[in-house]
């Protein structure tokens, strides 16, 4: 039983790290978009895409942390 809960903790940690990686991608994407000489509409479209990805990444990280907590509590 202990081994499966350890696996659950590690799986949650991997899901959390995936969310953090997407957050880092969002930061880089916004920095690149701001450096380019884009008109207001194009910049707004890129930032909206980044905000959507950012929200999804935060949700993914939260789910990963919930998996970790469940694994710890059940372990």
PDB file of N, CA and C in Angstrom:
ATOM      1  N   UNK A   1       0.833  -1.196   0.000  1.00  0.00           N
ATOM      2  CA  UNK A   1       0.000   0.000   0.000  1.00  0.00           C
ATOM      3  C   UNK A   1       0.868   1.246   0.000  1.00  0.00           C
ATOM      4  N   UNK A   2       1.957   1.205   0.745  1.00  0.00           N
ATOM      5  CA  UNK A   2       2.832   2.371   0.860  1.00  0.00           C
ATOM      6  C   UNK A   2       3.434   2.741  -0.498  1.00  0.00           C
ATOM      7  N   UNK A   3       3.795   1.763  -1.282  1.00  0.00           N
ATOM      8  CA  UNK A   3       4.411   2.024  -2.584  1.00  0.00           C
ATOM      9  C   UNK A   3       3.485   2.734  -3.538  1.00  0.00           C
ATOM     10  N   UNK A   4       2.205   2.373  -3.527  1.00  0.00           N
ATOM     11  CA  UNK A   4       1.263   3.021  -4.437  1.00  0.00           C
ATOM     12  C   UNK A   4       1.022   4.473  -4.043  1.00  0.00           C
ATOM     13  N   UNK A   5       1.048   4.774  -2.754  1.00  0.00           N
ATOM     14  CA  UNK A   5       0.878   6.160  -2.313  1.00  0.00           C
ATOM     15  C   UNK A   5       2.118   6.986  -2.654  1.00  0.00           C
ATOM     16  N   UNK A   6       3.280   6.373  -2.579  1.00  0.00           N
ATOM     17  CA  UNK A   6       4.500   7.062  -3.000  1.00  0.00           C
ATOM     18  C   UNK A   6       4.427   7.393  -4.491  1.00  0.00           C
ATOM     19  N   UNK A   7       3.912   6.445  -5.264  1.00  0.00           N
ATOM     20  CA  UNK A   7       3.744   6.696  -6.695  1.00  0.00           C
ATOM     21  C   UNK A   7       2.764   7.831  -6.945  1.00  0.00           C
ATOM     22  N   UNK A   8       1.733   7.904  -6.133  1.00  0.00           N
ATOM     23  CA  UNK A   8       0.748   8.980  -6.278  1.00  0.00           C
ATOM     24  C   UNK A   8       1.389  10.335  -5.997  1.00  0.00           C
ATOM     25  N   UNK A   9       2.241  10.396  -4.990  1.00  0.00           N
ATOM     26  CA  UNK A   9       2.940  11.643  -4.662  1.00  0.00           C
ATOM     27  C   UNK A   9       3.847  12.050  -5.823  1.00  0.00           C
ATOM     28  N   UNK A  10       4.596  11.101  -6.355  1.00  0.00           N
ATOM     29  CA  UNK A  10       5.490  11.421  -7.466  1.00  0.00           C
ATOM     30  C   UNK A  10       4.719  11.822  -8.720  1.00  0.00           C
ATOM     31  N   UNK A  11       3.604  11.164  -8.970  1.00  0.00           N
ATOM     32  CA  UNK A  11       2.788  11.523 -10.121  1.00  0.00           C
ATOM     33  C   UNK A  11       2.259  12.950  -9.965  1.00  0.00           C
ATOM     34  N   UNK A  12       1.818  13.291  -8.764  1.00  0.00           N
ATOM     35  CA  UNK A  12       1.345  14.649  -8.507  1.00  0.00           C
ATOM     36  C   UNK A  12       2.450  15.671  -8.678  1.00  0.00           C
ATOM     37  N   UNK A  13       3.646  15.311  -8.244  1.00  0.00           N
ATOM     38  CA  UNK A  13       4.788  16.223  -8.410  1.00  0.00           C
ATOM     39  C   UNK A  13       5.096  16.438  -9.883  1.00  0.00           C
ATOM     40  N   UNK A  14       5.003  15.393 -10.680  1.00  0.00           N
ATOM     41  CA  UNK A  14       5.241  15.540 -12.120  1.00  0.00           C
ATOM     42  C   UNK A  14       4.176  16.404 -12.782  1.00  0.00           C
ATOM     43  N   UNK A  15       2.931  16.240 -12.386  1.00  0.00           N
ATOM     44  CA  UNK A  15       1.847  17.067 -12.932  1.00  0.00           C
ATOM     45  C   UNK A  15       2.069  18.532 -12.541  1.00  0.00           C
ATOM     46  N   UNK A  16       2.473  18.763 -11.316  1.00  0.00           N
ATOM     47  CA  UNK A  16       2.755  20.126 -10.857  1.00  0.00           C
ATOM     48  C   UNK A  16       3.905  20.739 -11.650  1.00  0.00           C
ATOM     49  N   UNK A  17       4.960  19.964 -11.862  1.00  0.00           N
ATOM     50  CA  UNK A  17       6.097  20.465 -12.633  1.00  0.00           C
ATOM     51  C   UNK A  17       5.716  20.757 -14.083  1.00  0.00           C
ATOM     52  N   UNK A  18       4.817  19.966 -14.639  1.00  0.00           N
ATOM     53  CA  UNK A  18       4.345  20.248 -15.993  1.00  0.00           C
ATOM     54  C   UNK A  18       3.613  21.591 -16.022  1.00  0.00           C
ATOM     55  N   UNK A  19       2.802  21.856 -15.014  1.00  0.00           N
ATOM     56  CA  UNK A  19       2.109  23.134 -14.934  1.00  0.00           C
ATOM     57  C   UNK A  19       3.077  24.296 -14.794  1.00  0.00           C
ATOM     58  N   UNK A  20       4.118  24.114 -14.001  1.00  0.00           N
ATOM     59  CA  UNK A  20       5.127  25.164 -13.830  1.00  0.00           C
ATOM     60  C   UNK A  20       5.888  25.394 -15.139  1.00  0.00           C
ATOM     61  N   UNK A  21       6.140  24.329 -15.886  1.00  0.00           N
ATOM     62  CA  UNK A  21       6.812  24.472 -17.181  1.00  0.00           C
ATOM     63  C   UNK A  21       5.957  25.287 -18.151  1.00  0.00           C
ATOM     64  N   UNK A  22       4.662  25.055 -18.154  1.00  0.00           N
ATOM     65  CA  UNK A  22       3.775  25.831 -19.021  1.00  0.00           C
ATOM     66  C   UNK A  22       3.727  27.286 -18.556  1.00  0.00           C
ATOM     67  N   UNK A  23       3.779  27.516 -17.251  1.00  0.00           N
ATOM     68  CA  UNK A  23       3.847  28.891 -16.741  1.00  0.00           C
ATOM     69  C   UNK A  23       5.108  29.588 -17.243  1.00  0.00           C
ATOM     70  N   UNK A  24       6.224  28.898 -17.231  1.00  0.00           N
ATOM     71  CA  UNK A  24       7.467  29.472 -17.742  1.00  0.00           C
ATOM     72  C   UNK A  24       7.341  29.779 -19.231  1.00  0.00           C
ATOM     73  N   UNK A  25       6.697  28.880 -19.976  1.00  0.00           N
ATOM     74  CA  UNK A  25       6.474  29.128 -21.400  1.00  0.00           C
ATOM     75  C   UNK A  25       5.636  30.391 -21.597  1.00  0.00           C
ATOM     76  N   UNK A  26       4.632  30.586 -20.761  1.00  0.00           N
ATOM     77  CA  UNK A  26       3.789  31.781 -20.864  1.00  0.00           C
ATOM     78  C   UNK A  26       4.613  33.052 -20.647  1.00  0.00           C
ATOM     79  N   UNK A  27       5.502  33.023 -19.688  1.00  0.00           N
ATOM     80  CA  UNK A  27       6.345  34.187 -19.424  1.00  0.00           C
ATOM     81  C   UNK A  27       7.210  34.497 -20.634  1.00  0.00           C
ATOM     82  N   UNK A  28       7.827  33.475 -21.200  1.00  0.00           N
ATOM     83  CA  UNK A  28       8.685  33.672 -22.366  1.00  0.00           C
ATOM     84  C   UNK A  28       7.868  34.162 -23.561  1.00  0.00           C
ATOM     85  N   UNK A  29       6.685  33.607 -23.760  1.00  0.00           N
ATOM     86  CA  UNK A  29       5.851  34.000 -24.892  1.00  0.00           C
ATOM     87  C   UNK A  29       5.419  35.466 -24.786  1.00  0.00           C
ATOM     88  N   UNK A  30       5.077  35.912 -23.589  1.00  0.00           N
ATOM     89  CA  UNK A  30       4.676  37.315 -23.407  1.00  0.00           C
ATOM     90  C   UNK A  30       5.867  38.234 -23.612  1.00  0.00           C
ATOM     91  N   UNK A  31       7.034  37.853 -23.120  1.00  0.00           N
ATOM     92  CA  UNK A  31       8.225  38.677 -23.331  1.00  0.00           C
ATOM     93  C   UNK A  31       8.553  38.802 -24.808  1.00  0.00           C
ATOM     94  N   UNK A  32       8.462  37.711 -25.543  1.00  0.00           N
ATOM     95  CA  UNK A  32       8.722  37.758 -26.995  1.00  0.00           C
ATOM     96  C   UNK A  32       7.697  38.627 -27.707  1.00  0.00           C
ATOM     97  N   UNK A  33       6.451  38.515 -27.304  1.00  0.00           N
ATOM     98  CA  UNK A  33       5.399  39.304 -27.959  1.00  0.00           C
ATOM     99  C   UNK A  33       5.604  40.794 -27.706  1.00  0.00           C
ATOM    100  N   UNK A  34       6.046  41.151 -26.524  1.00  0.00           N
ATOM    101  CA  UNK A  34       6.257  42.576 -26.212  1.00  0.00           C
ATOM    102  C   UNK A  34       7.476  43.135 -26.930  1.00  0.00           C
ATOM    103  N   UNK A  35       8.474  42.296 -27.166  1.00  0.00           N
ATOM    104  CA  UNK A  35       9.677  42.763 -27.860  1.00  0.00           C
ATOM    105  C   UNK A  35       9.431  43.005 -29.342  1.00  0.00           C
ATOM    106  N   UNK A  36       8.505  42.268 -29.923  1.00  0.00           N
ATOM    107  CA  UNK A  36       8.197  42.436 -31.339  1.00  0.00           C
ATOM    108  C   UNK A  36       7.383  43.710 -31.537  1.00  0.00           C
ATOM    109  N   UNK A  37       7.551  44.303 -32.673  1.00  0.00           N
ATOM    110  CA  UNK A  37       6.805  45.530 -32.981  1.00  0.00           C
ATOM    111  C   UNK A  37       5.461  45.142 -33.586  1.00  0.00           C
ATOM    112  N   UNK A  38       4.524  44.765 -32.730  1.00  0.00           N
ATOM    113  CA  UNK A  38       3.205  44.348 -33.189  1.00  0.00           C
ATOM    114  C   UNK A  38       2.210  45.478 -32.989  1.00  0.00           C
ATOM    115  N   UNK A  39       1.200  45.480 -33.840  1.00  0.00           N
ATOM    116  CA  UNK A  39       0.141  46.453 -33.611  1.00  0.00           C
ATOM    117  C   UNK A  39      -0.692  46.009 -32.412  1.00  0.00           C
ATOM    118  N   UNK A  40      -1.548  46.890 -31.965  1.00  0.00           N
ATOM    119  CA  UNK A  40      -2.289  46.635 -30.728  1.00  0.00           C
ATOM    120  C   UNK A  40      -3.170  45.396 -30.803  1.00  0.00           C
ATOM    121  N   UNK A  41      -3.813  45.178 -31.947  1.00  0.00           N
ATOM    122  CA  UNK A  41      -4.710  44.028 -32.084  1.00  0.00           C
ATOM    123  C   UNK A  41      -3.934  42.707 -32.039  1.00  0.00           C
ATOM    124  N   UNK A  42      -2.797  42.659 -32.717  1.00  0.00           N
ATOM    125  CA  UNK A  42      -2.000  41.424 -32.732  1.00  0.00           C
ATOM    126  C   UNK A  42      -1.419  41.137 -31.349  1.00  0.00           C
ATOM    127  N   UNK A  43      -0.954  42.185 -30.668  1.00  0.00           N
ATOM    128  CA  UNK A  43      -0.418  42.003 -29.319  1.00  0.00           C
ATOM    129  C   UNK A  43      -1.507  41.533 -28.366  1.00  0.00           C
ATOM    130  N   UNK A  44      -2.685  42.112 -28.503  1.00  0.00           N
ATOM    131  CA  UNK A  44      -3.804  41.718 -27.643  1.00  0.00           C
ATOM    132  C   UNK A  44      -4.179  40.253 -27.874  1.00  0.00           C
ATOM    133  N   UNK A  45      -4.175  39.810 -29.130  1.00  0.00           N
ATOM    134  CA  UNK A  45      -4.512  38.419 -29.443  1.00  0.00           C
ATOM    135  C   UNK A  45      -3.498  37.462 -28.825  1.00  0.00           C
ATOM    136  N   UNK A  46      -2.226  37.810 -28.916  1.00  0.00           N
ATOM    137  CA  UNK A  46      -1.198  36.939 -28.332  1.00  0.00           C
ATOM    138  C   UNK A  46      -1.288  36.910 -26.811  1.00  0.00           C
ATOM    139  N   UNK A  47      -1.551  38.057 -26.225  1.00  0.00           N
ATOM    140  CA  UNK A  47      -1.656  38.100 -24.766  1.00  0.00           C
ATOM    141  C   UNK A  47      -2.883  37.335 -24.268  1.00  0.00           C
ATOM    142  N   UNK A  48      -3.968  37.388 -25.027  1.00  0.00           N
ATOM    143  CA  UNK A  48      -5.154  36.613 -24.639  1.00  0.00           C
ATOM    144  C   UNK A  48      -4.869  35.123 -24.676  1.00  0.00           C
ATOM    145  N   UNK A  49      -4.115  34.683 -25.685  1.00  0.00           N
ATOM    146  CA  UNK A  49      -3.739  33.269 -25.760  1.00  0.00           C
ATOM    147  C   UNK A  49      -2.861  32.895 -24.563  1.00  0.00           C
ATOM    148  N   UNK A  50      -1.930  33.784 -24.228  1.00  0.00           N
ATOM    149  CA  UNK A  50      -1.041  33.514 -23.098  1.00  0.00           C
ATOM    150  C   UNK A  50      -1.814  33.481 -21.779  1.00  0.00           C
ATOM    151  N   UNK A  51      -2.803  34.347 -21.634  1.00  0.00           N
ATOM    152  CA  UNK A  51      -3.613  34.353 -20.410  1.00  0.00           C
ATOM    153  C   UNK A  51      -4.396  33.042 -20.296  1.00  0.00           C
ATOM    154  N   UNK A  52      -4.931  32.562 -21.401  1.00  0.00           N
ATOM    155  CA  UNK A  52      -5.664  31.293 -21.373  1.00  0.00           C
ATOM    156  C   UNK A  52      -4.729  30.136 -20.988  1.00  0.00           C
ATOM    157  N   UNK A  53      -3.533  30.120 -21.576  1.00  0.00           N
ATOM    158  CA  UNK A  53      -2.572  29.072 -21.240  1.00  0.00           C
ATOM    159  C   UNK A  53      -2.121  29.204 -19.782  1.00  0.00           C
ATOM    160  N   UNK A  54      -1.958  30.431 -19.322  1.00  0.00           N
ATOM    161  CA  UNK A  54      -1.550  30.678 -17.940  1.00  0.00           C
ATOM    162  C   UNK A  54      -2.598  30.141 -16.965  1.00  0.00           C
ATOM    163  N   UNK A  55      -3.854  30.394 -17.256  1.00  0.00           N
ATOM    164  CA  UNK A  55      -4.936  29.905 -16.400  1.00  0.00           C
ATOM    165  C   UNK A  55      -4.956  28.373 -16.377  1.00  0.00           C
ATOM    166  N   UNK A  56      -4.796  27.769 -17.527  1.00  0.00           N
ATOM    167  CA  UNK A  56      -4.747  26.311 -17.598  1.00  0.00           C
ATOM    168  C   UNK A  56      -3.555  25.738 -16.847  1.00  0.00           C
ATOM    169  N   UNK A  57      -2.416  26.414 -16.951  1.00  0.00           N
ATOM    170  CA  UNK A  57      -1.218  25.953 -16.251  1.00  0.00           C
ATOM    171  C   UNK A  57      -1.387  26.059 -14.741  1.00  0.00           C
ATOM    172  N   UNK A  58      -2.007  27.126 -14.288  1.00  0.00           N
ATOM    173  CA  UNK A  58      -2.262  27.263 -12.856  1.00  0.00           C
ATOM    174  C   UNK A  58      -3.204  26.163 -12.365  1.00  0.00           C
ATOM    175  N   UNK A  59      -4.222  25.864 -13.164  1.00  0.00           N
ATOM    176  CA  UNK A  59      -5.153  24.794 -12.799  1.00  0.00           C
ATOM    177  C   UNK A  59      -4.424  23.445 -12.765  1.00  0.00           C
ATOM    178  N   UNK A  60      -3.559  23.201 -13.745  1.00  0.00           N
ATOM    179  CA  UNK A  60      -2.807  21.946 -13.784  1.00  0.00           C
ATOM    180  C   UNK A  60      -1.900  21.819 -12.560  1.00  0.00           C
ATOM    181  N   UNK A  61      -1.243  22.907 -12.195  1.00  0.00           N
ATOM    182  CA  UNK A  61      -0.383  22.886 -11.010  1.00  0.00           C
ATOM    183  C   UNK A  61      -1.207  22.632  -9.745  1.00  0.00           C
ATOM    184  N   UNK A  62      -2.367  23.248  -9.665  1.00  0.00           N
ATOM    185  CA  UNK A  62      -3.222  23.049  -8.492  1.00  0.00           C
ATOM    186  C   UNK A  62      -3.676  21.598  -8.393  1.00  0.00           C
ATOM    187  N   UNK A  63      -4.051  21.012  -9.507  1.00  0.00           N
ATOM    188  CA  UNK A  63      -4.464  19.600  -9.502  1.00  0.00           C
ATOM    189  C   UNK A  63      -3.291  18.712  -9.078  1.00  0.00           C
ATOM    190  N   UNK A  64      -2.108  19.022  -9.580  1.00  0.00           N
ATOM    191  CA  UNK A  64      -0.927  18.254  -9.189  1.00  0.00           C
ATOM    192  C   UNK A  64      -0.659  18.343  -7.696  1.00  0.00           C
ATOM    193  N   UNK A  65      -0.804  19.534  -7.144  1.00  0.00           N
ATOM    194  CA  UNK A  65      -0.600  19.684  -5.701  1.00  0.00           C
ATOM    195  C   UNK A  65      -1.676  18.958  -4.908  1.00  0.00           C
ATOM    196  N   UNK A  66      -2.902  18.941  -5.428  1.00  0.00           N
ATOM    197  CA  UNK A  66      -3.961  18.181  -4.754  1.00  0.00           C
ATOM    198  C   UNK A  66      -3.641  16.689  -4.755  1.00  0.00           C
ATOM    199  N   UNK A  67      -3.104  16.190  -5.861  1.00  0.00           N
ATOM    200  CA  UNK A  67      -2.723  14.779  -5.934  1.00  0.00           C
ATOM    201  C   UNK A  67      -1.633  14.477  -4.910  1.00  0.00           C
ATOM    202  N   UNK A  68      -0.664  15.387  -4.787  1.00  0.00           N
ATOM    203  CA  UNK A  68       0.392  15.209  -3.800  1.00  0.00           C
ATOM    204  C   UNK A  68      -0.180  15.132  -2.386  1.00  0.00           C
ATOM    205  N   UNK A  69      -1.071  16.058  -2.058  1.00  0.00           N
ATOM    206  CA  UNK A  69      -1.669  16.086  -0.717  1.00  0.00           C
ATOM    207  C   UNK A  69      -2.460  14.806  -0.443  1.00  0.00           C
ATOM    208  N   UNK A  70      -3.227  14.364  -1.429  1.00  0.00           N
ATOM    209  CA  UNK A  70      -3.995  13.110  -1.259  1.00  0.00           C
ATOM    210  C   UNK A  70      -3.051  11.944  -1.028  1.00  0.00           C
ATOM    211  N   UNK A  71      -1.977  11.895  -1.800  1.00  0.00           N
ATOM    212  CA  UNK A  71      -0.997  10.825  -1.622  1.00  0.00           C
ATOM    213  C   UNK A  71      -0.349  10.845  -0.245  1.00  0.00           C
ATOM    214  N   UNK A  72      -0.079  12.041   0.265  1.00  0.00           N
ATOM    215  CA  UNK A  72       0.517  12.164   1.604  1.00  0.00           C
ATOM    216  C   UNK A  72      -0.488  11.758   2.677  1.00  0.00           C
ATOM    217  N   UNK A  73      -1.718  12.227   2.541  1.00  0.00           N
ATOM    218  CA  UNK A  73      -2.730  11.920   3.554  1.00  0.00           C
ATOM    219  C   UNK A  73      -3.086  10.428   3.579  1.00  0.00           C
ATOM    220  N   UNK A  74      -3.114   9.806   2.438  1.00  0.00           N
ATOM    221  CA  UNK A  74      -3.456   8.387   2.378  1.00  0.00           C
ATOM    222  C   UNK A  74      -2.265   7.482   2.681  1.00  0.00           C
ATOM    223  N   UNK A  75      -1.064   8.049   2.599  1.00  0.00           N
ATOM    224  CA  UNK A  75       0.139   7.248   2.793  1.00  0.00           C
ATOM    225  C   UNK A  75       0.533   7.103   4.165  1.00  0.00           C
TER     226      UNK A  75
END
